[in-house]
Protein backbone atom coordinates (compact mmCIF):
# COMPACT_ATOMS: atom_id res chain seq x y z
CA MET A 1 -52.84 -66.07 -5.50
CA CYS A 2 -49.65 -65.61 -7.50
CA VAL A 3 -48.41 -62.28 -8.92
CA TRP A 4 -45.15 -61.82 -10.72
CA CYS A 5 -44.29 -58.09 -12.05
CA GLU A 6 -41.25 -56.93 -13.75
CA ALA A 7 -41.25 -53.25 -12.96
CA VAL A 8 -38.13 -50.79 -11.40
CA SER A 9 -40.02 -50.52 -8.02
CA PRO A 10 -41.50 -53.74 -6.42
CA ALA A 11 -43.44 -51.67 -3.79
CA LEU A 12 -45.02 -49.44 -6.57
CA CYS A 13 -46.46 -52.40 -8.11
CA ALA A 14 -47.60 -54.08 -5.09
CA THR A 15 -49.22 -50.86 -4.08
CA ALA A 16 -51.00 -50.61 -7.57
CA ALA A 17 -52.08 -54.54 -7.12
CA ALA A 18 -53.57 -54.03 -3.55
CA SER A 19 -55.47 -50.51 -5.07
CA TYR A 20 -56.97 -52.68 -7.92
CA TYR A 21 -58.37 -55.62 -5.75
CA SER A 22 -59.77 -53.08 -3.32
CA ALA A 23 -61.56 -51.33 -5.94
CA SER A 24 -62.95 -54.25 -7.71
CA GLY A 25 -64.54 -55.99 -4.43
CA TRP A 26 -62.20 -58.68 -3.94
CA GLY A 27 -62.30 -59.57 -0.38
CA GLY A 28 -59.23 -59.80 1.88
CA SER A 29 -55.75 -58.96 1.16
CA PRO A 30 -54.32 -60.61 -1.92
CA SER A 31 -50.92 -61.98 -1.65
CA ILE A 32 -48.62 -60.63 -3.76
CA GLN A 33 -45.15 -61.90 -4.67
CA VAL A 34 -42.74 -59.49 -6.67
CA PRO A 35 -39.53 -61.01 -7.64
CA LEU A 36 -37.14 -58.20 -9.14
CA LYS A 37 -34.83 -59.94 -11.46
CA GLY A 38 -32.10 -57.26 -11.54
CA PRO A 39 -31.53 -53.42 -11.77
CA ARG A 40 -33.84 -51.53 -13.83
CA ASP A 41 -32.55 -48.04 -13.49
CA GLY A 42 -35.16 -45.74 -14.89
CA VAL A 43 -36.89 -48.10 -17.30
CA PHE A 44 -40.29 -49.75 -16.81
CA PHE A 45 -40.15 -53.01 -18.86
CA GLY A 46 -43.74 -53.95 -18.74
CA ALA A 47 -45.79 -56.20 -16.16
CA HIS A 48 -47.20 -59.61 -16.66
CA VAL A 49 -49.90 -60.36 -13.31
CA MET A 50 -51.25 -63.68 -12.93
CA SER A 51 -54.30 -64.57 -10.48
CA ASP A 52 -55.51 -68.00 -9.40
CA GLN A 53 -59.06 -66.72 -10.05
CA SER A 54 -58.66 -64.79 -13.47
CA SER A 55 -56.30 -62.78 -15.32
CA ILE A 56 -55.45 -59.13 -13.96
CA THR A 57 -56.45 -56.75 -16.73
CA ASN A 58 -54.28 -54.29 -18.07
CA GLU A 59 -55.96 -51.59 -15.70
CA LEU A 60 -53.36 -52.55 -12.91
CA VAL A 61 -50.44 -52.20 -15.45
CA GLN A 62 -51.75 -48.74 -16.33
CA ALA A 63 -52.00 -47.58 -12.73
CA ALA A 64 -48.81 -48.90 -12.07
CA LEU A 65 -47.13 -47.36 -14.87
CA ALA A 66 -49.02 -44.12 -14.30
CA SER A 67 -47.77 -44.02 -10.62
CA TYR A 68 -44.30 -44.77 -11.73
CA LEU A 69 -44.20 -42.03 -14.34
CA ALA A 70 -45.79 -39.50 -12.11
CA ALA A 71 -43.25 -39.99 -9.34
CA GLN A 72 -40.26 -39.92 -12.35
CA LYS A 73 -41.71 -36.68 -13.56
CA ASP A 74 -41.80 -35.01 -10.02
CA GLN A 75 -37.98 -36.51 -9.34
CA LEU A 76 -36.81 -35.09 -12.77
CA GLY A 77 -38.54 -31.50 -11.82
CA LEU A 78 -36.43 -31.52 -8.46
CA GLN A 79 -33.28 -32.50 -10.39
CA ARG A 80 -33.94 -29.64 -12.93
CA LYS A 81 -34.68 -27.14 -10.35
CA GLU A 82 -31.51 -28.10 -8.17
CA LEU A 83 -29.53 -27.76 -11.43
CA ARG A 84 -30.63 -24.31 -12.36
CA TRP A 85 -29.88 -23.33 -8.83
CA ARG A 86 -26.53 -24.91 -8.77
CA VAL A 87 -25.64 -23.04 -12.13
CA ALA A 88 -27.12 -19.70 -11.01
CA ARG A 89 -25.06 -20.19 -7.74
CA GLY A 90 -22.00 -20.76 -9.81
CA SER A 91 -22.49 -18.14 -12.41
CA VAL A 92 -22.85 -15.55 -9.19
CA ILE A 93 -20.01 -16.72 -7.51
CA ALA A 94 -17.78 -16.71 -10.90
CA LEU A 95 -19.03 -13.24 -11.34
CA ALA A 96 -18.33 -11.90 -8.06
CA ILE A 97 -14.42 -13.56 -8.47
CA VAL A 98 -14.22 -11.81 -11.82
CA ALA A 99 -15.43 -8.28 -10.46
CA TRP A 100 -13.27 -8.73 -7.40
CA THR A 101 -10.18 -9.31 -9.49
CA VAL A 102 -10.89 -6.11 -11.82
CA PHE A 103 -11.34 -3.99 -9.16
CA THR A 104 -8.07 -5.27 -7.51
CA ILE A 105 -6.13 -4.57 -10.73
CA VAL A 106 -7.69 -1.35 -11.74
CA ASN A 107 -7.20 -0.01 -8.00
CA GLY A 108 -3.61 -0.95 -7.89
CA ILE A 109 -2.95 0.70 -11.38
CA PHE A 110 -4.60 3.91 -10.29
CA ASN A 111 -3.59 4.06 -6.91
CA SER A 112 -0.94 2.44 -5.62
CA SER A 113 1.19 0.53 -8.37
CA ASP A 114 3.57 3.72 -9.00
CA ARG A 115 3.68 5.13 -5.50
CA PRO A 116 6.75 4.33 -3.65
CA THR A 117 6.25 2.76 -0.13
CA GLY A 118 9.22 4.34 1.40
CA GLN A 119 10.32 8.23 1.73
CA TYR A 120 10.03 10.14 -1.57
CA ALA A 121 9.63 13.41 -3.23
CA THR A 122 6.99 14.04 -5.88
CA ALA A 123 8.49 15.04 -8.90
CA VAL A 124 7.18 17.61 -11.52
CA ARG A 125 8.63 18.12 -14.87
CA LEU A 126 8.98 21.58 -16.71
CA GLU A 127 9.84 20.80 -20.47
CA GLY A 128 10.08 22.92 -23.50
CA ALA A 129 9.37 26.65 -24.14
CA ILE A 130 7.48 28.35 -21.18
CA SER A 131 4.43 29.85 -23.03
CA PRO A 132 0.60 29.62 -22.68
CA GLU A 133 0.57 27.12 -25.39
CA SER A 134 3.10 24.49 -24.63
CA THR A 135 3.26 21.84 -21.79
CA ALA A 136 5.13 24.03 -19.36
CA SER A 137 2.16 26.72 -19.43
CA LEU A 138 1.25 28.59 -16.21
CA THR A 139 -1.81 26.39 -16.23
CA ILE A 140 -0.86 23.16 -16.30
CA MET A 141 2.16 23.70 -14.29
CA ARG A 142 -0.32 24.73 -11.55
CA ASP A 143 -2.50 21.56 -11.61
CA ALA A 144 0.76 19.50 -11.40
CA LEU A 145 2.10 21.46 -8.55
CA GLU A 146 -0.90 21.64 -6.69
CA ARG A 147 -1.11 17.49 -7.05
CA ALA A 148 2.64 17.29 -6.23
CA PHE A 149 2.46 19.78 -2.78
CA THR A 150 -0.92 17.96 -1.28
CA ASP A 151 0.68 14.56 -1.60
CA GLU A 152 0.77 14.12 2.19
CA LYS A 153 3.35 11.38 2.07
CA ALA A 154 5.89 13.23 0.01
CA LEU A 155 8.55 14.48 1.79
CA GLY A 156 9.19 17.45 -0.78
CA VAL A 157 9.03 18.33 -4.27
CA ALA A 158 11.39 17.92 -7.16
CA LEU A 159 11.35 20.20 -10.11
CA ILE A 160 12.83 18.50 -13.24
CA ILE A 161 13.57 21.02 -15.73
CA ASN A 162 14.68 21.11 -19.61
CA SER A 163 13.66 24.24 -21.19
CA PRO A 164 15.20 27.18 -22.79
CA GLY A 165 13.09 29.55 -21.18
CA GLY A 166 10.30 31.63 -22.55
CA TYR A 167 7.65 34.32 -21.70
CA PRO A 168 8.77 36.37 -18.64
CA GLY A 169 5.36 36.93 -17.38
CA GLN A 170 4.58 33.19 -17.15
CA SER A 171 7.97 32.14 -15.84
CA GLU A 172 7.95 34.93 -12.85
CA LEU A 173 4.02 33.68 -12.12
CA ILE A 174 5.74 30.02 -12.18
CA TYR A 175 8.53 31.17 -9.67
CA GLU A 176 6.19 32.65 -7.41
CA MET A 177 3.45 29.74 -7.11
CA VAL A 178 6.33 27.55 -6.21
CA ARG A 179 7.39 29.54 -3.25
CA ALA A 180 4.15 30.42 -2.23
CA MET A 181 3.19 26.65 -2.19
CA SER A 182 6.30 25.40 -0.38
CA LYS A 183 6.00 27.65 2.29
CA GLN A 184 2.14 26.93 2.33
CA TYR A 185 2.59 23.16 2.59
CA GLY A 186 6.09 23.44 4.51
CA LYS A 187 7.81 21.14 1.82
CA ARG A 188 11.29 21.68 0.66
CA VAL A 189 11.68 21.77 -3.34
CA ILE A 190 14.72 20.81 -5.21
CA ALA A 191 15.51 21.78 -8.84
CA VAL A 192 17.32 19.26 -11.12
CA ALA A 193 18.52 20.52 -14.45
CA GLU A 194 18.54 18.19 -17.45
CA ASP A 195 19.99 19.59 -20.94
CA GLN A 196 19.50 23.23 -20.46
CA VAL A 197 18.07 25.47 -17.79
CA THR A 198 18.06 28.84 -19.15
CA SER A 199 16.48 32.58 -19.10
CA GLY A 200 12.89 32.10 -18.08
CA ALA A 201 13.72 28.60 -16.79
CA TYR A 202 16.53 29.41 -14.83
CA LEU A 203 14.26 31.81 -13.12
CA VAL A 204 11.67 29.27 -11.96
CA ALA A 205 14.71 27.17 -11.03
CA MET A 206 15.53 29.93 -8.36
CA SER A 207 12.39 28.89 -6.60
CA ALA A 208 14.08 25.65 -5.39
CA ASP A 209 16.09 25.69 -2.08
CA LYS A 210 18.57 23.81 -4.21
CA LEU A 211 19.45 23.30 -7.91
CA TYR A 212 21.65 20.36 -9.08
CA ALA A 213 22.80 20.52 -12.60
CA PRO A 214 25.21 18.01 -14.56
CA LEU A 215 28.50 19.47 -15.95
CA MET A 216 27.21 19.27 -19.43
CA SER A 217 23.97 21.12 -18.69
CA THR A 218 23.42 24.68 -19.74
CA VAL A 219 22.66 26.81 -16.87
CA GLY A 220 22.07 30.74 -16.44
CA SER A 221 21.56 32.85 -19.59
CA ILE A 222 20.60 35.58 -17.05
CA GLY A 223 19.05 38.21 -19.63
CA VAL A 224 16.10 39.40 -21.15
CA VAL A 225 15.81 39.69 -25.10
CA GLN A 226 13.16 41.05 -27.43
CA SER A 227 13.44 40.72 -31.01
CA SER A 228 11.04 41.33 -34.15
CA LEU A 229 11.22 41.92 -38.07
CA ASN A 230 10.74 45.56 -39.52
CA PHE A 231 9.31 45.49 -43.08
CA ALA A 232 9.32 49.15 -43.70
CA GLY A 233 11.75 49.54 -46.26
CA LEU A 234 10.16 46.15 -48.24
CA ALA A 235 6.64 47.92 -47.95
CA ASP A 236 8.25 51.25 -49.41
CA LYS A 237 10.05 49.24 -52.21
CA HIS A 238 6.63 47.51 -52.97
CA GLY A 239 4.25 50.24 -52.56
CA ILE A 240 2.74 48.99 -49.41
CA ALA A 241 1.29 51.48 -46.99
CA ASP A 242 0.34 51.02 -43.27
CA MET A 243 -3.12 52.10 -42.39
CA THR A 244 -2.84 51.87 -38.85
CA TYR A 245 -4.65 54.33 -36.89
CA THR A 246 -4.03 54.81 -33.03
CA ALA A 247 -5.03 57.24 -30.00
CA GLY A 248 -2.15 58.02 -27.90
CA ASN A 249 1.54 58.85 -28.78
CA ALA A 250 2.92 55.40 -27.98
CA LYS A 251 0.33 53.20 -28.95
CA GLN A 252 1.79 52.31 -32.21
CA ARG A 253 5.39 51.41 -31.00
CA PHE A 254 7.29 48.94 -32.30
CA ASN A 255 5.18 48.52 -35.64
CA GLN A 256 6.73 46.17 -38.03
CA TRP A 257 5.40 48.44 -40.99
CA THR A 258 6.87 51.47 -39.67
CA PRO A 259 10.35 52.78 -39.39
CA ALA A 260 11.65 52.56 -35.39
CA THR A 261 12.20 55.73 -34.31
CA ASP A 262 14.57 56.83 -31.67
CA ALA A 263 11.92 57.29 -28.87
CA ASP A 264 11.09 53.63 -29.78
CA LYS A 265 14.50 52.42 -29.01
CA ILE A 266 14.90 54.65 -25.80
CA LYS A 267 11.58 52.93 -24.43
CA ALA A 268 12.87 49.55 -25.39
CA ASP A 269 15.91 49.89 -23.46
CA GLU A 270 14.25 51.00 -20.30
CA PHE A 271 12.01 48.15 -20.51
CA LEU A 272 14.11 45.37 -20.88
CA GLY A 273 16.65 47.06 -18.24
CA GLN A 274 13.69 47.00 -15.72
CA MET A 275 12.89 43.29 -16.24
CA HIS A 276 16.64 42.57 -16.37
CA THR A 277 17.31 44.00 -12.77
CA GLU A 278 14.35 41.94 -11.42
CA PHE A 279 15.59 39.17 -12.72
CA ILE A 280 19.12 39.92 -11.23
CA ASP A 281 17.14 40.45 -7.73
CA ILE A 282 15.56 37.29 -7.63
CA VAL A 283 18.81 34.98 -8.42
CA ARG A 284 20.56 36.94 -5.82
CA THR A 285 18.36 36.22 -3.08
């Protein structure tokens, strides 16, 4: 018997032929020759089977083709699974790299990029008028000073001041806060003047161990001032009457719509003089 088969896998055709003969009741093992005329990668070109007794029907070809397609389908499924696994693994690795890069950048920006590695003092800026509504208010300065003094690696705190002063009460409280934190954390404080450090700002500067100022800076102005406008004459001229009611002789003192009395002037002098004396005592110490 002579069998000639064009297929991708000679062994596959041989197996199919043997199965066909066995199922048909043909005795013995047929002699099958399967010459392969060249590479047939992934393509089934058809089959021609010849027998010395009779032509083999298309069942043999169909069986070989079905076996081949099943094997190719299984192989393709395995390849697709492998491809999906490689893509998933690559995506996970890429995401991990991106996440680590972002974390490193953000961590550097917020933690260590602006922090010196050697010895340093933490700077706190006081700029503008000292008042409850400004950036130099007691509340804002408290938060800044707490961050500065709790920096364990800082050797001290530097107050950078550029202010004409402001509210005497706020100025004194900031002064006392700096002194208390310096003692609590055991850190020295230096004050550095820019354009001006006057009045209440100069009072705050007195909380430092040393004050450094350029020759062209305005520093000092140790004094207390109270100013206001009085509209009593203007009100009389236009027939405007003040309708303020009080309980207590001094409750309406410094009212802008009534003429200032001698008692008002005396009280203002006493009040301003007391504050001035306390200011001088702080500067001397």
